[in-house]
Amino acid sequence: DATLFTVNNSPFQLEAHNESDGSQAWSWTPPVGYTRFVSNVIVTNNLVFVSTDTTTFAIDRVQHATAWSYPETGQLAMSANGVLYIIGQHKVTAINLR
């Protein structure tokens, strides 16, 4: 079944919804201390990427848990070569995922 991912600031969580009926399949909540999502959502075969007010997170699609995080924030983009770009207000950070 296909999954649609959305970020929600109230309640503060990433939500995974079943495409077929819209029901929530699972959710992930950032650790305490983060206050809002500031990015679009990027989805790969095994990870979901989102940025909060201070950090970009990679969430494992199977475990529904943080796989890793990076202390930069901004809009997200991914190249065909597997590079994640975090486009912040003053700089662009590139992370090679391969």
N, C-alpha and C. Protein backbone atom coordinates (compact mmCIF):
# COMPACT_ATOMS: atom_id res chain seq x y z
N ASP A 1 0.85 -1.18 0.00
CA ASP A 1 0.00 0.00 0.00
C ASP A 1 0.89 1.24 0.00
N ALA A 2 0.57 2.22 -0.79
CA ALA A 2 1.36 3.45 -0.88
C ALA A 2 1.14 4.30 0.37
N THR A 3 2.13 5.11 0.69
CA THR A 3 2.09 5.94 1.89
C THR A 3 2.29 7.40 1.52
N LEU A 4 1.51 8.27 2.15
CA LEU A 4 1.62 9.71 2.00
C LEU A 4 2.15 10.27 3.31
N PHE A 5 3.20 11.10 3.24
CA PHE A 5 3.82 11.66 4.43
C PHE A 5 3.50 13.15 4.54
N THR A 6 3.15 13.59 5.75
CA THR A 6 2.87 14.99 6.02
C THR A 6 3.52 15.39 7.34
N VAL A 7 3.84 16.67 7.48
CA VAL A 7 4.29 17.19 8.76
C VAL A 7 3.16 18.00 9.36
N ASN A 8 3.06 17.93 10.66
CA ASN A 8 1.99 18.59 11.38
C ASN A 8 2.62 19.32 12.57
N ASN A 9 2.35 20.59 12.74
CA ASN A 9 2.90 21.32 13.88
C ASN A 9 1.98 21.29 15.10
N SER A 10 0.78 20.75 14.97
CA SER A 10 -0.13 20.64 16.10
C SER A 10 -1.09 19.47 15.87
N PRO A 11 -0.84 18.26 16.39
CA PRO A 11 0.30 17.91 17.22
C PRO A 11 1.59 17.85 16.40
N PHE A 12 2.70 18.09 17.06
CA PHE A 12 4.02 18.21 16.44
C PHE A 12 4.53 16.82 16.09
N GLN A 13 4.31 16.40 14.81
CA GLN A 13 4.74 15.07 14.40
C GLN A 13 4.75 14.94 12.89
N LEU A 14 5.58 14.00 12.43
CA LEU A 14 5.55 13.53 11.04
C LEU A 14 4.51 12.43 11.02
N GLU A 15 3.63 12.46 10.03
CA GLU A 15 2.58 11.45 9.94
C GLU A 15 2.69 10.68 8.64
N ALA A 16 2.50 9.37 8.72
CA ALA A 16 2.45 8.50 7.55
C ALA A 16 1.00 8.02 7.41
N HIS A 17 0.40 8.31 6.25
CA HIS A 17 -1.00 7.96 6.01
C HIS A 17 -1.10 6.95 4.87
N ASN A 18 -2.03 6.02 5.00
CA ASN A 18 -2.30 5.07 3.93
C ASN A 18 -2.98 5.81 2.78
N GLU A 19 -2.42 5.68 1.60
CA GLU A 19 -2.97 6.38 0.44
C GLU A 19 -4.39 5.92 0.12
N SER A 20 -4.68 4.66 0.34
CA SER A 20 -5.97 4.10 -0.05
C SER A 20 -7.16 4.70 0.71
N ASP A 21 -6.99 4.96 2.01
CA ASP A 21 -8.13 5.47 2.79
C ASP A 21 -7.80 6.67 3.67
N GLY A 22 -6.55 7.13 3.67
CA GLY A 22 -6.17 8.29 4.45
C GLY A 22 -5.92 8.03 5.93
N SER A 23 -6.09 6.79 6.36
CA SER A 23 -5.88 6.50 7.78
C SER A 23 -4.40 6.65 8.14
N GLN A 24 -4.13 7.01 9.37
CA GLN A 24 -2.75 7.18 9.82
C GLN A 24 -2.14 5.82 10.10
N ALA A 25 -1.02 5.52 9.44
CA ALA A 25 -0.33 4.24 9.62
C ALA A 25 0.64 4.30 10.80
N TRP A 26 1.35 5.42 10.91
CA TRP A 26 2.29 5.63 12.01
C TRP A 26 2.68 7.09 12.07
N SER A 27 3.35 7.47 13.15
CA SER A 27 3.83 8.84 13.29
C SER A 27 5.18 8.83 13.99
N TRP A 28 5.89 9.95 13.86
CA TRP A 28 7.19 10.15 14.52
C TRP A 28 7.19 11.55 15.10
N THR A 29 7.64 11.67 16.34
CA THR A 29 7.71 12.96 17.01
C THR A 29 9.17 13.32 17.26
N PRO A 30 9.58 14.54 16.91
CA PRO A 30 10.96 14.96 17.18
C PRO A 30 11.24 14.96 18.68
N PRO A 31 12.52 14.85 19.05
CA PRO A 31 12.86 14.90 20.48
C PRO A 31 12.41 16.22 21.12
N VAL A 32 12.30 16.22 22.41
CA VAL A 32 11.91 17.41 23.17
C VAL A 32 12.92 18.53 22.89
N GLY A 33 12.42 19.73 22.76
CA GLY A 33 13.28 20.89 22.53
C GLY A 33 13.13 21.49 21.14
N TYR A 34 12.58 20.75 20.21
CA TYR A 34 12.32 21.27 18.87
C TYR A 34 10.90 21.82 18.86
N THR A 35 10.66 22.87 18.05
CA THR A 35 9.37 23.54 18.17
C THR A 35 8.51 23.53 16.92
N ARG A 36 9.11 23.34 15.73
CA ARG A 36 8.28 23.38 14.52
C ARG A 36 9.04 22.77 13.34
N PHE A 37 8.28 22.33 12.35
CA PHE A 37 8.85 21.87 11.08
C PHE A 37 9.02 23.08 10.17
N VAL A 38 10.10 23.10 9.39
CA VAL A 38 10.35 24.24 8.50
C VAL A 38 10.58 23.80 7.06
N SER A 39 10.41 22.52 6.75
CA SER A 39 10.77 22.04 5.42
C SER A 39 9.66 21.22 4.79
N ASN A 40 9.90 20.95 3.53
CA ASN A 40 9.13 19.95 2.82
C ASN A 40 9.59 18.58 3.30
N VAL A 41 8.95 17.53 2.82
CA VAL A 41 9.30 16.15 3.18
C VAL A 41 9.94 15.50 1.96
N ILE A 42 11.07 14.81 2.19
CA ILE A 42 11.74 14.03 1.14
C ILE A 42 11.63 12.56 1.55
N VAL A 43 11.22 11.70 0.62
CA VAL A 43 11.02 10.28 0.92
C VAL A 43 11.88 9.44 -0.01
N THR A 44 12.62 8.48 0.56
CA THR A 44 13.37 7.50 -0.22
C THR A 44 12.81 6.12 0.09
N ASN A 45 13.44 5.08 -0.43
CA ASN A 45 12.96 3.72 -0.16
C ASN A 45 12.98 3.37 1.32
N ASN A 46 13.97 3.89 2.05
CA ASN A 46 14.10 3.49 3.46
C ASN A 46 14.06 4.63 4.47
N LEU A 47 14.12 5.90 4.01
CA LEU A 47 14.17 7.03 4.94
C LEU A 47 13.19 8.13 4.55
N VAL A 48 12.79 8.91 5.55
CA VAL A 48 12.01 10.13 5.35
C VAL A 48 12.82 11.26 5.98
N PHE A 49 12.99 12.36 5.24
CA PHE A 49 13.77 13.51 5.72
C PHE A 49 12.87 14.69 5.98
N VAL A 50 13.07 15.33 7.15
CA VAL A 50 12.36 16.55 7.51
C VAL A 50 13.32 17.45 8.29
N SER A 51 13.06 18.77 8.23
CA SER A 51 13.83 19.72 9.03
C SER A 51 12.92 20.39 10.05
N THR A 52 13.45 20.49 11.27
CA THR A 52 12.77 21.26 12.30
C THR A 52 13.44 22.62 12.37
N ASP A 53 13.15 23.37 13.41
CA ASP A 53 13.71 24.71 13.55
C ASP A 53 15.23 24.74 13.65
N THR A 54 15.88 23.64 14.04
CA THR A 54 17.35 23.65 14.17
C THR A 54 18.05 22.44 13.57
N THR A 55 17.33 21.40 13.19
CA THR A 55 17.97 20.13 12.83
C THR A 55 17.22 19.43 11.70
N THR A 56 17.97 18.75 10.84
CA THR A 56 17.38 17.88 9.83
C THR A 56 17.47 16.44 10.32
N PHE A 57 16.35 15.73 10.20
CA PHE A 57 16.26 14.35 10.67
C PHE A 57 16.03 13.39 9.51
N ALA A 58 16.63 12.21 9.63
CA ALA A 58 16.34 11.07 8.75
C ALA A 58 15.60 10.06 9.60
N ILE A 59 14.37 9.72 9.20
CA ILE A 59 13.54 8.79 9.96
C ILE A 59 13.45 7.49 9.19
N ASP A 60 13.74 6.40 9.87
CA ASP A 60 13.69 5.07 9.27
C ASP A 60 12.23 4.69 9.01
N ARG A 61 11.91 4.29 7.77
CA ARG A 61 10.52 3.98 7.41
C ARG A 61 10.03 2.66 8.00
N VAL A 62 10.94 1.78 8.39
CA VAL A 62 10.54 0.50 8.99
C VAL A 62 10.45 0.62 10.51
N GLN A 63 11.48 1.21 11.11
CA GLN A 63 11.53 1.32 12.57
C GLN A 63 10.71 2.50 13.12
N HIS A 64 10.39 3.48 12.24
CA HIS A 64 9.65 4.69 12.65
C HIS A 64 10.40 5.45 13.73
N ALA A 65 11.72 5.48 13.59
CA ALA A 65 12.59 6.11 14.58
C ALA A 65 13.67 6.91 13.87
N THR A 66 14.31 7.81 14.60
CA THR A 66 15.40 8.60 14.04
C THR A 66 16.56 7.70 13.66
N ALA A 67 16.96 7.73 12.39
CA ALA A 67 18.14 6.99 11.94
C ALA A 67 19.39 7.82 12.19
N TRP A 68 19.29 9.12 11.90
CA TRP A 68 20.38 10.06 12.17
C TRP A 68 19.84 11.48 12.06
N SER A 69 20.64 12.43 12.51
CA SER A 69 20.25 13.84 12.40
C SER A 69 21.49 14.66 12.07
N TYR A 70 21.23 15.89 11.56
CA TYR A 70 22.31 16.80 11.19
C TYR A 70 21.92 18.20 11.64
N PRO A 71 22.84 18.93 12.29
CA PRO A 71 22.49 20.22 12.90
C PRO A 71 22.41 21.40 11.93
N GLU A 72 21.68 21.23 10.86
CA GLU A 72 21.37 22.30 9.90
C GLU A 72 19.89 22.19 9.58
N THR A 73 19.29 23.30 9.15
CA THR A 73 17.86 23.31 8.86
C THR A 73 17.59 24.11 7.59
N GLY A 74 16.49 23.81 6.94
CA GLY A 74 16.10 24.52 5.74
C GLY A 74 15.24 23.66 4.84
N GLN A 75 14.98 24.17 3.65
CA GLN A 75 14.24 23.39 2.66
C GLN A 75 15.14 22.25 2.17
N LEU A 76 14.52 21.15 1.76
CA LEU A 76 15.27 19.97 1.39
C LEU A 76 15.11 19.65 -0.09
N ALA A 77 16.18 19.12 -0.68
CA ALA A 77 16.16 18.63 -2.06
C ALA A 77 17.11 17.46 -2.14
N MET A 78 16.89 16.58 -3.11
CA MET A 78 17.78 15.43 -3.28
C MET A 78 18.10 15.26 -4.75
N SER A 79 19.38 15.02 -5.03
CA SER A 79 19.81 14.81 -6.41
C SER A 79 19.61 13.36 -6.81
N ALA A 80 19.66 13.11 -8.09
CA ALA A 80 19.57 11.75 -8.61
C ALA A 80 20.75 10.90 -8.17
N ASN A 81 21.85 11.56 -7.77
CA ASN A 81 23.05 10.85 -7.32
C ASN A 81 23.05 10.58 -5.82
N GLY A 82 21.96 10.87 -5.13
CA GLY A 82 21.87 10.57 -3.71
C GLY A 82 22.49 11.61 -2.80
N VAL A 83 22.49 12.86 -3.22
CA VAL A 83 22.98 13.94 -2.36
C VAL A 83 21.78 14.70 -1.81
N LEU A 84 21.72 14.78 -0.48
CA LEU A 84 20.67 15.54 0.19
C LEU A 84 21.16 16.97 0.36
N TYR A 85 20.37 17.94 -0.11
CA TYR A 85 20.71 19.35 0.04
C TYR A 85 19.78 19.97 1.08
N ILE A 86 20.39 20.69 2.03
CA ILE A 86 19.65 21.44 3.03
C ILE A 86 19.88 22.90 2.69
N ILE A 87 18.84 23.58 2.22
CA ILE A 87 18.96 24.95 1.75
C ILE A 87 18.52 25.89 2.87
N GLY A 88 19.51 26.42 3.60
CA GLY A 88 19.25 27.31 4.71
C GLY A 88 19.20 28.76 4.25
N GLN A 89 19.01 29.66 5.19
CA GLN A 89 18.93 31.08 4.86
C GLN A 89 20.25 31.63 4.35
N HIS A 90 21.37 31.12 4.87
CA HIS A 90 22.67 31.70 4.54
C HIS A 90 23.64 30.73 3.89
N LYS A 91 23.28 29.44 3.79
CA LYS A 91 24.18 28.48 3.16
C LYS A 91 23.42 27.26 2.72
N VAL A 92 24.08 26.48 1.86
CA VAL A 92 23.55 25.21 1.40
C VAL A 92 24.49 24.12 1.90
N THR A 93 23.93 23.10 2.53
CA THR A 93 24.70 21.97 3.01
C THR A 93 24.37 20.77 2.13
N ALA A 94 25.41 20.05 1.70
CA ALA A 94 25.22 18.84 0.88
C ALA A 94 25.72 17.64 1.65
N ILE A 95 24.88 16.60 1.72
CA ILE A 95 25.23 15.36 2.42
C ILE A 95 25.13 14.22 1.43
N ASN A 96 26.24 13.53 1.17
CA ASN A 96 26.26 12.39 0.27
C ASN A 96 25.68 11.18 1.01
N LEU A 97 24.57 10.67 0.54
CA LEU A 97 23.88 9.56 1.20
C LEU A 97 24.34 8.20 0.70
N ARG A 98 25.23 8.18 -0.27
CA ARG A 98 25.68 6.89 -0.81
C ARG A 98 27.04 6.53 -0.33
